[in-house]
Amino acid sequence: MNARLDRMDRLASGGHFILDYKSGPCKVAAWLGARPDEPQVPMYALGAAGDVAAVAFAQVKTGEMAFKGLARAPDLVPGVKTVDKDRVAKVHGTWDKVGRAVACRARHARAAASRQAMRA
């Protein structure tokens, strides 16, 4: 599996902000399912060298420009919610718990992809 990070910025308040540009529909819930539909952002966060404070899709569709993501603290990035304010993510409880859940799912996704590649 090959992936390339679209963008990672250092926030003035500290920590990194990971962005994945999307021209079509995008939802944070796509990171959090048992089998994530969009696993790349969580995987980028897991592989980041520094402290990750926020992750988001940067929707660049004409007329629908917005950040859609999660942050560990309020007001880090315009439009990006904290875990407790996101309907889907808040079931995990905290930023750290979301990270652990996503890490677990990413490991399972990588293992499944490896098994599939070995069968091909």
PDB file of N, CA and C in Angstrom:
ATOM      1  N   MET A   1       0.842  -1.167   0.000  1.00  0.00           N
ATOM      2  CA  MET A   1       0.000   0.000   0.000  1.00  0.00           C
ATOM      3  C   MET A   1       0.890   1.234   0.000  1.00  0.00           C
ATOM      4  N   ASN A   2       0.677   2.132  -0.933  1.00  0.00           N
ATOM      5  CA  ASN A   2       1.409   3.393  -0.994  1.00  0.00           C
ATOM      6  C   ASN A   2       0.455   4.537  -0.711  1.00  0.00           C
ATOM      7  N   ALA A   3       0.923   5.497   0.061  1.00  0.00           N
ATOM      8  CA  ALA A   3       0.115   6.679   0.369  1.00  0.00           C
ATOM      9  C   ALA A   3       1.036   7.880   0.442  1.00  0.00           C
ATOM     10  N   ARG A   4       0.508   9.018   0.056  1.00  0.00           N
ATOM     11  CA  ARG A   4       1.294  10.248   0.101  1.00  0.00           C
ATOM     12  C   ARG A   4       0.478  11.324   0.795  1.00  0.00           C
ATOM     13  N   LEU A   5       1.025  11.869   1.832  1.00  0.00           N
ATOM     14  CA  LEU A   5       0.395  12.923   2.616  1.00  0.00           C
ATOM     15  C   LEU A   5       0.209  14.165   1.757  1.00  0.00           C
ATOM     16  N   ASP A   6      -1.024  14.721   1.752  1.00  0.00           N
ATOM     17  CA  ASP A   6      -1.269  15.947   0.986  1.00  0.00           C
ATOM     18  C   ASP A   6      -0.613  17.153   1.649  1.00  0.00           C
ATOM     19  N   ARG A   7      -0.809  17.272   2.987  1.00  0.00           N
ATOM     20  CA  ARG A   7      -0.252  18.446   3.663  1.00  0.00           C
ATOM     21  C   ARG A   7      -0.216  18.220   5.171  1.00  0.00           C
ATOM     22  N   MET A   8       0.852  18.718   5.807  1.00  0.00           N
ATOM     23  CA  MET A   8       0.940  18.731   7.262  1.00  0.00           C
ATOM     24  C   MET A   8       1.541  20.062   7.673  1.00  0.00           C
ATOM     25  N   ASP A   9       0.779  20.812   8.467  1.00  0.00           N
ATOM     26  CA  ASP A   9       1.223  22.126   8.928  1.00  0.00           C
ATOM     27  C   ASP A   9       1.485  22.100  10.426  1.00  0.00           C
ATOM     28  N   ARG A  10       2.367  22.970  10.871  1.00  0.00           N
ATOM     29  CA  ARG A  10       2.612  23.173  12.300  1.00  0.00           C
ATOM     30  C   ARG A  10       1.685  24.285  12.760  1.00  0.00           C
ATOM     31  N   LEU A  11       0.884  24.012  13.784  1.00  0.00           N
ATOM     32  CA  LEU A  11      -0.040  25.014  14.320  1.00  0.00           C
ATOM     33  C   LEU A  11       0.693  25.980  15.243  1.00  0.00           C
ATOM     34  N   ALA A  12       0.256  27.233  15.268  1.00  0.00           N
ATOM     35  CA  ALA A  12       0.871  28.238  16.143  1.00  0.00           C
ATOM     36  C   ALA A  12       0.774  27.820  17.609  1.00  0.00           C
ATOM     37  N   SER A  13      -0.295  27.105  17.948  1.00  0.00           N
ATOM     38  CA  SER A  13      -0.508  26.668  19.329  1.00  0.00           C
ATOM     39  C   SER A  13       0.286  25.404  19.681  1.00  0.00           C
ATOM     40  N   GLY A  14       0.965  24.841  18.694  1.00  0.00           N
ATOM     41  CA  GLY A  14       1.738  23.619  18.897  1.00  0.00           C
ATOM     42  C   GLY A  14       1.027  22.421  18.291  1.00  0.00           C
ATOM     43  N   GLY A  15       1.783  21.437  17.917  1.00  0.00           N
ATOM     44  CA  GLY A  15       1.229  20.244  17.292  1.00  0.00           C
ATOM     45  C   GLY A  15       1.088  20.416  15.792  1.00  0.00           C
ATOM     46  N   HIS A  16       0.784  19.329  15.125  1.00  0.00           N
ATOM     47  CA  HIS A  16       0.636  19.331  13.676  1.00  0.00           C
ATOM     48  C   HIS A  16      -0.823  19.188  13.268  1.00  0.00           C
ATOM     49  N   PHE A  17      -1.114  19.689  12.083  1.00  0.00           N
ATOM     50  CA  PHE A  17      -2.446  19.605  11.477  1.00  0.00           C
ATOM     51  C   PHE A  17      -2.277  18.863  10.162  1.00  0.00           C
ATOM     52  N   ILE A  18      -2.898  17.686  10.061  1.00  0.00           N
ATOM     53  CA  ILE A  18      -2.808  16.859   8.857  1.00  0.00           C
ATOM     54  C   ILE A  18      -4.035  17.094   7.991  1.00  0.00           C
ATOM     55  N   LEU A  19      -3.782  17.377   6.706  1.00  0.00           N
ATOM     56  CA  LEU A  19      -4.860  17.649   5.748  1.00  0.00           C
ATOM     57  C   LEU A  19      -4.839  16.660   4.596  1.00  0.00           C
ATOM     58  N   ASP A  20      -6.034  16.264   4.193  1.00  0.00           N
ATOM     59  CA  ASP A  20      -6.198  15.433   3.003  1.00  0.00           C
ATOM     60  C   ASP A  20      -7.198  16.159   2.111  1.00  0.00           C
ATOM     61  N   TYR A  21      -6.742  16.639   0.966  1.00  0.00           N
ATOM     62  CA  TYR A  21      -7.614  17.390   0.058  1.00  0.00           C
ATOM     63  C   TYR A  21      -8.611  16.472  -0.631  1.00  0.00           C
ATOM     64  N   LYS A  22      -9.859  16.904  -0.687  1.00  0.00           N
ATOM     65  CA  LYS A  22     -10.923  16.136  -1.347  1.00  0.00           C
ATOM     66  C   LYS A  22     -11.759  17.069  -2.222  1.00  0.00           C
ATOM     67  N   SER A  23     -12.017  16.639  -3.446  1.00  0.00           N
ATOM     68  CA  SER A  23     -12.874  17.431  -4.327  1.00  0.00           C
ATOM     69  C   SER A  23     -14.301  16.887  -4.340  1.00  0.00           C
ATOM     70  N   GLY A  24     -14.498  15.746  -3.743  1.00  0.00           N
ATOM     71  CA  GLY A  24     -15.832  15.150  -3.675  1.00  0.00           C
ATOM     72  C   GLY A  24     -16.322  15.081  -2.244  1.00  0.00           C
ATOM     73  N   PRO A  25     -17.367  14.305  -2.017  1.00  0.00           N
ATOM     74  CA  PRO A  25     -17.924  14.194  -0.666  1.00  0.00           C
ATOM     75  C   PRO A  25     -16.922  13.570   0.300  1.00  0.00           C
ATOM     76  N   CYS A  26     -16.966  14.012   1.553  1.00  0.00           N
ATOM     77  CA  CYS A  26     -16.089  13.467   2.574  1.00  0.00           C
ATOM     78  C   CYS A  26     -16.754  13.589   3.944  1.00  0.00           C
ATOM     79  N   LYS A  27     -16.533  12.584   4.771  1.00  0.00           N
ATOM     80  CA  LYS A  27     -17.124  12.550   6.110  1.00  0.00           C
ATOM     81  C   LYS A  27     -16.112  12.004   7.104  1.00  0.00           C
ATOM     82  N   VAL A  28     -16.054  12.619   8.282  1.00  0.00           N
ATOM     83  CA  VAL A  28     -15.184  12.139   9.353  1.00  0.00           C
ATOM     84  C   VAL A  28     -15.550  10.707   9.732  1.00  0.00           C
ATOM     85  N   ALA A  29     -16.818  10.379   9.674  1.00  0.00           N
ATOM     86  CA  ALA A  29     -17.264   9.024  10.024  1.00  0.00           C
ATOM     87  C   ALA A  29     -16.558   7.955   9.183  1.00  0.00           C
ATOM     88  N   ALA A  30     -16.057   8.334   8.013  1.00  0.00           N
ATOM     89  CA  ALA A  30     -15.362   7.378   7.140  1.00  0.00           C
ATOM     90  C   ALA A  30     -14.040   6.903   7.748  1.00  0.00           C
ATOM     91  N   TRP A  31     -13.542   7.586   8.791  1.00  0.00           N
ATOM     92  CA  TRP A  31     -12.317   7.172   9.474  1.00  0.00           C
ATOM     93  C   TRP A  31     -12.601   6.197  10.606  1.00  0.00           C
ATOM     94  N   LEU A  32     -13.840   6.168  11.091  1.00  0.00           N
ATOM     95  CA  LEU A  32     -14.111   5.565  12.384  1.00  0.00           C
ATOM     96  C   LEU A  32     -14.856   4.246  12.382  1.00  0.00           C
ATOM     97  N   GLY A  33     -15.267   3.776  11.252  1.00  0.00           N
ATOM     98  CA  GLY A  33     -16.009   2.515  11.221  1.00  0.00           C
ATOM     99  C   GLY A  33     -15.125   1.312  11.495  1.00  0.00           C
ATOM    100  N   ALA A  34     -15.752   0.154  11.654  1.00  0.00           N
ATOM    101  CA  ALA A  34     -14.997  -1.078  11.882  1.00  0.00           C
ATOM    102  C   ALA A  34     -14.052  -1.353  10.709  1.00  0.00           C
ATOM    103  N   ARG A  35     -14.506  -0.994   9.498  1.00  0.00           N
ATOM    104  CA  ARG A  35     -13.670  -1.066   8.300  1.00  0.00           C
ATOM    105  C   ARG A  35     -13.708   0.313   7.650  1.00  0.00           C
ATOM    106  N   PRO A  36     -12.792   1.212   8.030  1.00  0.00           N
ATOM    107  CA  PRO A  36     -12.837   2.593   7.541  1.00  0.00           C
ATOM    108  C   PRO A  36     -12.843   2.682   6.019  1.00  0.00           C
ATOM    109  N   ASP A  37     -13.732   3.529   5.491  1.00  0.00           N
ATOM    110  CA  ASP A  37     -13.797   3.760   4.049  1.00  0.00           C
ATOM    111  C   ASP A  37     -12.660   4.655   3.576  1.00  0.00           C
ATOM    112  N   GLU A  38     -12.169   5.531   4.453  1.00  0.00           N
ATOM    113  CA  GLU A  38     -11.110   6.490   4.118  1.00  0.00           C
ATOM    114  C   GLU A  38      -9.998   6.374   5.163  1.00  0.00           C
ATOM    115  N   PRO A  39      -9.194   5.324   5.139  1.00  0.00           N
ATOM    116  CA  PRO A  39      -8.214   5.111   6.211  1.00  0.00           C
ATOM    117  C   PRO A  39      -6.943   5.955   6.125  1.00  0.00           C
ATOM    118  N   GLN A  40      -6.767   6.698   5.025  1.00  0.00           N
ATOM    119  CA  GLN A  40      -5.469   7.356   4.854  1.00  0.00           C
ATOM    120  C   GLN A  40      -5.174   8.433   5.895  1.00  0.00           C
ATOM    121  N   VAL A  41      -6.144   9.247   6.285  1.00  0.00           N
ATOM    122  CA  VAL A  41      -5.865  10.313   7.261  1.00  0.00           C
ATOM    123  C   VAL A  41      -5.446   9.724   8.610  1.00  0.00           C
ATOM    124  N   PRO A  42      -6.179   8.746   9.142  1.00  0.00           N
ATOM    125  CA  PRO A  42      -5.701   8.136  10.390  1.00  0.00           C
ATOM    126  C   PRO A  42      -4.319   7.492  10.244  1.00  0.00           C
ATOM    127  N   MET A  43      -4.046   6.907   9.090  1.00  0.00           N
ATOM    128  CA  MET A  43      -2.731   6.300   8.890  1.00  0.00           C
ATOM    129  C   MET A  43      -1.635   7.366   8.839  1.00  0.00           C
ATOM    130  N   TYR A  44      -1.919   8.509   8.232  1.00  0.00           N
ATOM    131  CA  TYR A  44      -0.950   9.604   8.224  1.00  0.00           C
ATOM    132  C   TYR A  44      -0.675  10.063   9.658  1.00  0.00           C
ATOM    133  N   ALA A  45      -1.739  10.165  10.456  1.00  0.00           N
ATOM    134  CA  ALA A  45      -1.584  10.611  11.838  1.00  0.00           C
ATOM    135  C   ALA A  45      -0.731   9.614  12.633  1.00  0.00           C
ATOM    136  N   LEU A  46      -0.945   8.334  12.400  1.00  0.00           N
ATOM    137  CA  LEU A  46      -0.165   7.310  13.097  1.00  0.00           C
ATOM    138  C   LEU A  46       1.303   7.360  12.705  1.00  0.00           C
ATOM    139  N   GLY A  47       1.571   7.697  11.460  1.00  0.00           N
ATOM    140  CA  GLY A  47       2.946   7.712  10.974  1.00  0.00           C
ATOM    141  C   GLY A  47       3.660   9.040  11.139  1.00  0.00           C
ATOM    142  N   ALA A  48       2.963  10.052  11.627  1.00  0.00           N
ATOM    143  CA  ALA A  48       3.565  11.384  11.762  1.00  0.00           C
ATOM    144  C   ALA A  48       4.677  11.372  12.808  1.00  0.00           C
ATOM    145  N   ALA A  49       5.742  12.098  12.515  1.00  0.00           N
ATOM    146  CA  ALA A  49       6.892  12.143  13.416  1.00  0.00           C
ATOM    147  C   ALA A  49       6.602  12.983  14.660  1.00  0.00           C
ATOM    148  N   GLY A  50       5.749  13.984  14.544  1.00  0.00           N
ATOM    149  CA  GLY A  50       5.497  14.875  15.671  1.00  0.00           C
ATOM    150  C   GLY A  50       4.126  14.681  16.286  1.00  0.00           C
ATOM    151  N   ASP A  51       3.809  15.555  17.201  1.00  0.00           N
ATOM    152  CA  ASP A  51       2.536  15.552  17.907  1.00  0.00           C
ATOM    153  C   ASP A  51       1.432  16.016  16.960  1.00  0.00           C
ATOM    154  N   VAL A  52       0.409  15.210  16.759  1.00  0.00           N
ATOM    155  CA  VAL A  52      -0.704  15.577  15.886  1.00  0.00           C
ATOM    156  C   VAL A  52      -1.837  16.136  16.737  1.00  0.00           C
ATOM    157  N   ALA A  53      -2.217  17.383  16.462  1.00  0.00           N
ATOM    158  CA  ALA A  53      -3.266  18.062  17.226  1.00  0.00           C
ATOM    159  C   ALA A  53      -4.594  18.088  16.492  1.00  0.00           C
ATOM    160  N   ALA A  54      -4.574  17.914  15.172  1.00  0.00           N
ATOM    161  CA  ALA A  54      -5.813  17.948  14.385  1.00  0.00           C
ATOM    162  C   ALA A  54      -5.599  17.216  13.072  1.00  0.00           C
ATOM    163  N   VAL A  55      -6.690  16.604  12.591  1.00  0.00           N
ATOM    164  CA  VAL A  55      -6.702  15.936  11.288  1.00  0.00           C
ATOM    165  C   VAL A  55      -7.989  16.341  10.583  1.00  0.00           C
ATOM    166  N   ALA A  56      -7.896  16.528   9.269  1.00  0.00           N
ATOM    167  CA  ALA A  56      -9.107  16.944   8.558  1.00  0.00           C
ATOM    168  C   ALA A  56      -9.012  16.659   7.072  1.00  0.00           C
ATOM    169  N   PHE A  57     -10.194  16.521   6.497  1.00  0.00           N
ATOM    170  CA  PHE A  57     -10.334  16.624   5.062  1.00  0.00           C
ATOM    171  C   PHE A  57     -10.425  18.114   4.761  1.00  0.00           C
ATOM    172  N   ALA A  58      -9.792  18.555   3.694  1.00  0.00           N
ATOM    173  CA  ALA A  58      -9.962  19.918   3.209  1.00  0.00           C
ATOM    174  C   ALA A  58     -10.806  19.793   1.942  1.00  0.00           C
ATOM    175  N   GLN A  59     -12.094  20.029   2.083  1.00  0.00           N
ATOM    176  CA  GLN A  59     -12.997  19.891   0.944  1.00  0.00           C
ATOM    177  C   GLN A  59     -12.823  21.093   0.031  1.00  0.00           C
ATOM    178  N   VAL A  60     -12.448  20.833  -1.208  1.00  0.00           N
ATOM    179  CA  VAL A  60     -12.160  21.907  -2.157  1.00  0.00           C
ATOM    180  C   VAL A  60     -13.142  21.906  -3.322  1.00  0.00           C
ATOM    181  N   LYS A  61     -14.307  21.385  -3.091  1.00  0.00           N
ATOM    182  CA  LYS A  61     -15.358  21.367  -4.104  1.00  0.00           C
ATOM    183  C   LYS A  61     -15.931  22.779  -4.256  1.00  0.00           C
ATOM    184  N   THR A  62     -16.120  23.227  -5.500  1.00  0.00           N
ATOM    185  CA  THR A  62     -16.647  24.557  -5.756  1.00  0.00           C
ATOM    186  C   THR A  62     -17.948  24.767  -4.995  1.00  0.00           C
ATOM    187  N   GLY A  63     -18.000  25.852  -4.239  1.00  0.00           N
ATOM    188  CA  GLY A  63     -19.190  26.178  -3.465  1.00  0.00           C
ATOM    189  C   GLY A  63     -19.300  25.448  -2.140  1.00  0.00           C
ATOM    190  N   GLU A  64     -18.394  24.511  -1.881  1.00  0.00           N
ATOM    191  CA  GLU A  64     -18.442  23.739  -0.641  1.00  0.00           C
ATOM    192  C   GLU A  64     -17.058  23.625  -0.006  1.00  0.00           C
ATOM    193  N   MET A  65     -16.368  24.757   0.134  1.00  0.00           N
ATOM    194  CA  MET A  65     -15.039  24.758   0.730  1.00  0.00           C
ATOM    195  C   MET A  65     -15.166  24.683   2.245  1.00  0.00           C
ATOM    196  N   ALA A  66     -14.494  23.699   2.857  1.00  0.00           N
ATOM    197  CA  ALA A  66     -14.572  23.551   4.306  1.00  0.00           C
ATOM    198  C   ALA A  66     -13.545  22.545   4.795  1.00  0.00           C
ATOM    199  N   PHE A  67     -13.211  22.664   6.087  1.00  0.00           N
ATOM    200  CA  PHE A  67     -12.449  21.630   6.760  1.00  0.00           C
ATOM    201  C   PHE A  67     -13.456  20.733   7.456  1.00  0.00           C
ATOM    202  N   LYS A  68     -13.236  19.428   7.389  1.00  0.00           N
ATOM    203  CA  LYS A  68     -14.072  18.460   8.096  1.00  0.00           C
ATOM    204  C   LYS A  68     -13.122  17.517   8.809  1.00  0.00           C
ATOM    205  N   GLY A  69     -13.085  17.615  10.140  1.00  0.00           N
ATOM    206  CA  GLY A  69     -12.133  16.789  10.855  1.00  0.00           C
ATOM    207  C   GLY A  69     -12.321  16.804  12.341  1.00  0.00           C
ATOM    208  N   LEU A  70     -11.262  16.392  13.034  1.00  0.00           N
ATOM    209  CA  LEU A  70     -11.252  16.301  14.484  1.00  0.00           C
ATOM    210  C   LEU A  70      -9.989  16.955  15.029  1.00  0.00           C
ATOM    211  N   ALA A  71     -10.126  17.548  16.217  1.00  0.00           N
ATOM    212  CA  ALA A  71      -8.985  18.170  16.888  1.00  0.00           C
ATOM    213  C   ALA A  71      -9.021  17.816  18.366  1.00  0.00           C
ATOM    214  N   ARG A  72      -7.864  17.879  18.982  1.00  0.00           N
ATOM    215  CA  ARG A  72      -7.819  17.547  20.417  1.00  0.00           C
ATOM    216  C   ARG A  72      -8.305  18.687  21.301  1.00  0.00           C
ATOM    217  N   ALA A  73      -8.359  19.912  20.764  1.00  0.00           N
ATOM    218  CA  ALA A  73      -8.809  21.070  21.542  1.00  0.00           C
ATOM    219  C   ALA A  73      -9.661  21.973  20.643  1.00  0.00           C
ATOM    220  N   PRO A  74     -10.570  22.747  21.240  1.00  0.00           N
ATOM    221  CA  PRO A  74     -11.419  23.622  20.426  1.00  0.00           C
ATOM    222  C   PRO A  74     -10.631  24.772  19.783  1.00  0.00           C
ATOM    223  N   ASP A  75     -11.147  25.237  18.667  1.00  0.00           N
ATOM    224  CA  ASP A  75     -10.641  26.437  17.979  1.00  0.00           C
ATOM    225  C   ASP A  75      -9.217  26.323  17.434  1.00  0.00           C
ATOM    226  N   LEU A  76      -8.728  25.118  17.215  1.00  0.00           N
ATOM    227  CA  LEU A  76      -7.406  24.972  16.599  1.00  0.00           C
ATOM    228  C   LEU A  76      -7.465  25.266  15.109  1.00  0.00           C
ATOM    229  N   VAL A  77      -8.555  24.796  14.466  1.00  0.00           N
ATOM    230  CA  VAL A  77      -8.740  24.951  13.025  1.00  0.00           C
ATOM    231  C   VAL A  77     -10.210  25.282  12.789  1.00  0.00           C
ATOM    232  N   PRO A  78     -10.500  26.301  11.960  1.00  0.00           N
ATOM    233  CA  PRO A  78     -11.907  26.666  11.715  1.00  0.00           C
ATOM    234  C   PRO A  78     -12.737  25.486  11.198  1.00  0.00           C
ATOM    235  N   GLY A  79     -13.867  25.240  11.848  1.00  0.00           N
ATOM    236  CA  GLY A  79     -14.783  24.194  11.405  1.00  0.00           C
ATOM    237  C   GLY A  79     -14.426  22.782  11.844  1.00  0.00           C
ATOM    238  N   VAL A  80     -13.289  22.594  12.494  1.00  0.00           N
ATOM    239  CA  VAL A  80     -12.877  21.270  12.946  1.00  0.00           C
ATOM    240  C   VAL A  80     -13.315  21.108  14.396  1.00  0.00           C
ATOM    241  N   LYS A  81     -14.054  20.030  14.644  1.00  0.00           N
ATOM    242  CA  LYS A  81     -14.649  19.799  15.960  1.00  0.00           C
ATOM    243  C   LYS A  81     -13.726  19.007  16.877  1.00  0.00           C
ATOM    244  N   THR A  82     -13.959  19.161  18.174  1.00  0.00           N
ATOM    245  CA  THR A  82     -13.306  18.280  19.133  1.00  0.00           C
ATOM    246  C   THR A  82     -14.099  16.981  19.175  1.00  0.00           C
ATOM    247  N   VAL A  83     -13.492  15.946  19.695  1.00  0.00           N
ATOM    248  CA  VAL A  83     -14.116  14.623  19.717  1.00  0.00           C
ATOM    249  C   VAL A  83     -15.478  14.671  20.409  1.00  0.00           C
ATOM    250  N   ASP A  84     -15.567  15.389  21.533  1.00  0.00           N
ATOM    251  CA  ASP A  84     -16.827  15.423  22.287  1.00  0.00           C
ATOM    252  C   ASP A  84     -17.950  16.157  21.557  1.00  0.00           C
ATOM    253  N   LYS A  85     -17.630  16.906  20.528  1.00  0.00           N
ATOM    254  CA  LYS A  85     -18.641  17.642  19.752  1.00  0.00           C
ATOM    255  C   LYS A  85     -19.030  16.942  18.462  1.00  0.00           C
ATOM    256  N   ASP A  86     -18.310  15.893  18.104  1.00  0.00           N
ATOM    257  CA  ASP A  86     -18.607  15.154  16.881  1.00  0.00           C
ATOM    258  C   ASP A  86     -19.502  13.963  17.212  1.00  0.00           C
ATOM    259  N   ARG A  87     -20.633  13.877  16.565  1.00  0.00           N
ATOM    260  CA  ARG A  87     -21.650  12.856  16.842  1.00  0.00           C
ATOM    261  C   ARG A  87     -21.089  11.441  16.759  1.00  0.00           C
ATOM    262  N   VAL A  88     -20.281  11.154  15.779  1.00  0.00           N
ATOM    263  CA  VAL A  88     -19.756   9.800  15.588  1.00  0.00           C
ATOM    264  C   VAL A  88     -18.549   9.535  16.485  1.00  0.00           C
ATOM    265  N   ALA A  89     -17.628  10.487  16.571  1.00  0.00           N
ATOM    266  CA  ALA A  89     -16.380  10.277  17.310  1.00  0.00           C
ATOM    267  C   ALA A  89     -16.567  10.246  18.820  1.00  0.00           C
ATOM    268  N   LYS A  90     -17.570  10.937  19.336  1.00  0.00           N
ATOM    269  CA  LYS A  90     -17.685  11.056  20.791  1.00  0.00           C
ATOM    270  C   LYS A  90     -17.951   9.729  21.499  1.00  0.00           C
ATOM    271  N   VAL A  91     -18.374   8.704  20.780  1.00  0.00           N
ATOM    272  CA  VAL A  91     -18.560   7.401  21.420  1.00  0.00           C
ATOM    273  C   VAL A  91     -17.229   6.844  21.938  1.00  0.00           C
ATOM    274  N   HIS A  92     -16.103   7.324  21.384  1.00  0.00           N
ATOM    275  CA  HIS A  92     -14.787   6.879  21.837  1.00  0.00           C
ATOM    276  C   HIS A  92     -14.323   7.632  23.072  1.00  0.00           C
ATOM    277  N   GLY A  93     -14.895   8.800  23.338  1.00  0.00           N
ATOM    278  CA  GLY A  93     -14.612   9.529  24.573  1.00  0.00           C
ATOM    279  C   GLY A  93     -13.607  10.657  24.488  1.00  0.00           C
ATOM    280  N   THR A  94     -12.373  10.394  24.090  1.00  0.00           N
ATOM    281  CA  THR A  94     -11.337  11.425  24.087  1.00  0.00           C
ATOM    282  C   THR A  94     -10.506  11.344  22.816  1.00  0.00           C
ATOM    283  N   TRP A  95      -9.728  12.384  22.582  1.00  0.00           N
ATOM    284  CA  TRP A  95      -8.814  12.437  21.435  1.00  0.00           C
ATOM    285  C   TRP A  95      -7.885  11.223  21.451  1.00  0.00           C
ATOM    286  N   ASP A  96      -7.316  10.910  22.612  1.00  0.00           N
ATOM    287  CA  ASP A  96      -6.396   9.777  22.714  1.00  0.00           C
ATOM    288  C   ASP A  96      -7.095   8.451  22.431  1.00  0.00           C
ATOM    289  N   LYS A  97      -8.320   8.293  22.915  1.00  0.00           N
ATOM    290  CA  LYS A  97      -9.048   7.045  22.682  1.00  0.00           C
ATOM    291  C   LYS A  97      -9.434   6.901  21.216  1.00  0.00           C
ATOM    292  N   VAL A  98      -9.779   8.002  20.569  1.00  0.00           N
ATOM    293  CA  VAL A  98     -10.058   7.947  19.126  1.00  0.00           C
ATOM    294  C   VAL A  98      -8.787   7.503  18.404  1.00  0.00           C
ATOM    295  N   GLY A  99      -7.655   8.061  18.782  1.00  0.00           N
ATOM    296  CA  GLY A  99      -6.380   7.679  18.174  1.00  0.00           C
ATOM    297  C   GLY A  99      -6.086   6.199  18.337  1.00  0.00           C
ATOM    298  N   ARG A 100      -6.324   5.669  19.527  1.00  0.00           N
ATOM    299  CA  ARG A 100      -6.087   4.238  19.755  1.00  0.00           C
ATOM    300  C   ARG A 100      -7.043   3.381  18.930  1.00  0.00           C
ATOM    301  N   ALA A 101      -8.327   3.786  18.864  1.00  0.00           N
ATOM    302  CA  ALA A 101      -9.305   3.019  18.077  1.00  0.00           C
ATOM    303  C   ALA A 101      -8.936   3.026  16.599  1.00  0.00           C
ATOM    304  N   VAL A 102      -8.546   4.197  16.106  1.00  0.00           N
ATOM    305  CA  VAL A 102      -8.165   4.321  14.700  1.00  0.00           C
ATOM    306  C   VAL A 102      -6.894   3.508  14.427  1.00  0.00           C
ATOM    307  N   ALA A 103      -5.940   3.535  15.354  1.00  0.00           N
ATOM    308  CA  ALA A 103      -4.705   2.771  15.188  1.00  0.00           C
ATOM    309  C   ALA A 103      -5.000   1.280  15.096  1.00  0.00           C
ATOM    310  N   CYS A 104      -5.894   0.821  15.946  1.00  0.00           N
ATOM    311  CA  CYS A 104      -6.270  -0.596  15.930  1.00  0.00           C
ATOM    312  C   CYS A 104      -6.901  -0.959  14.584  1.00  0.00           C
ATOM    313  N   ARG A 105      -7.796  -0.125  14.095  1.00  0.00           N
ATOM    314  CA  ARG A 105      -8.458  -0.402  12.816  1.00  0.00           C
ATOM    315  C   ARG A 105      -7.465  -0.340  11.657  1.00  0.00           C
ATOM    316  N   ALA A 106      -6.532   0.604  11.744  1.00  0.00           N
ATOM    317  CA  ALA A 106      -5.526   0.719  10.677  1.00  0.00           C
ATOM    318  C   ALA A 106      -4.636  -0.523  10.639  1.00  0.00           C
ATOM    319  N   ARG A 107      -4.250  -1.035  11.805  1.00  0.00           N
ATOM    320  CA  ARG A 107      -3.440  -2.261  11.844  1.00  0.00           C
ATOM    321  C   ARG A 107      -4.198  -3.424  11.217  1.00  0.00           C
ATOM    322  N   HIS A 108      -5.499  -3.531  11.540  1.00  0.00           N
ATOM    323  CA  HIS A 108      -6.302  -4.608  10.959  1.00  0.00           C
ATOM    324  C   HIS A 108      -6.431  -4.447   9.448  1.00  0.00           C
ATOM    325  N   ALA A 109      -6.595  -3.197   8.982  1.00  0.00           N
ATOM    326  CA  ALA A 109      -6.712  -2.943   7.541  1.00  0.00           C
ATOM    327  C   ALA A 109      -5.411  -3.302   6.826  1.00  0.00           C
ATOM    328  N   ARG A 110      -4.262  -2.938   7.418  1.00  0.00           N
ATOM    329  CA  ARG A 110      -2.970  -3.275   6.812  1.00  0.00           C
ATOM    330  C   ARG A 110      -2.771  -4.784   6.758  1.00  0.00           C
ATOM    331  N   ALA A 111      -3.141  -5.474   7.838  1.00  0.00           N
ATOM    332  CA  ALA A 111      -2.992  -6.927   7.874  1.00  0.00           C
ATOM    333  C   ALA A 111      -3.875  -7.578   6.809  1.00  0.00           C
ATOM    334  N   ALA A 112      -5.099  -7.082   6.670  1.00  0.00           N
ATOM    335  CA  ALA A 112      -6.012  -7.632   5.659  1.00  0.00           C
ATOM    336  C   ALA A 112      -5.465  -7.386   4.261  1.00  0.00           C
ATOM    337  N   ALA A 113      -4.911  -6.190   4.019  1.00  0.00           N
ATOM    338  CA  ALA A 113      -4.338  -5.871   2.704  1.00  0.00           C
ATOM    339  C   ALA A 113      -3.132  -6.770   2.419  1.00  0.00           C
ATOM    340  N   SER A 114      -2.321  -7.046   3.428  1.00  0.00           N
ATOM    341  CA  SER A 114      -1.159  -7.926   3.242  1.00  0.00           C
ATOM    342  C   SER A 114      -1.604  -9.345   2.909  1.00  0.00           C
ATOM    343  N   ARG A 115      -2.615  -9.828   3.620  1.00  0.00           N
ATOM    344  CA  ARG A 115      -3.123 -11.178   3.337  1.00  0.00           C
ATOM    345  C   ARG A 115      -3.666 -11.265   1.925  1.00  0.00           C
ATOM    346  N   GLN A 116      -4.380 -10.225   1.509  1.00  0.00           N
ATOM    347  CA  GLN A 116      -4.961 -10.205   0.161  1.00  0.00           C
ATOM    348  C   GLN A 116      -3.855 -10.185  -0.901  1.00  0.00           C
ATOM    349  N   ALA A 117      -2.813  -9.403  -0.659  1.00  0.00           N
ATOM    350  CA  ALA A 117      -1.703  -9.313  -1.615  1.00  0.00           C
ATOM    351  C   ALA A 117      -0.975 -10.651  -1.723  1.00  0.00           C
ATOM    352  N   MET A 118      -0.871 -11.371  -0.628  1.00  0.00           N
ATOM    353  CA  MET A 118      -0.173 -12.662  -0.641  1.00  0.00           C
ATOM    354  C   MET A 118      -0.971 -13.701  -1.421  1.00  0.00           C
ATOM    355  N   ARG A 119      -2.293 -13.563  -1.426  1.00  0.00           N
ATOM    356  CA  ARG A 119      -3.136 -14.500  -2.173  1.00  0.00           C
ATOM    357  C   ARG A 119      -3.137 -14.230  -3.671  1.00  0.00           C
ATOM    358  N   ALA A 120      -2.830 -12.980  -4.035  1.00  0.00           N
ATOM    359  CA  ALA A 120      -2.884 -12.581  -5.458  1.00  0.00           C
ATOM    360  C   ALA A 120      -1.705 -13.105  -6.241  1.00  0.00           C
TER     361      ALA A 120
END
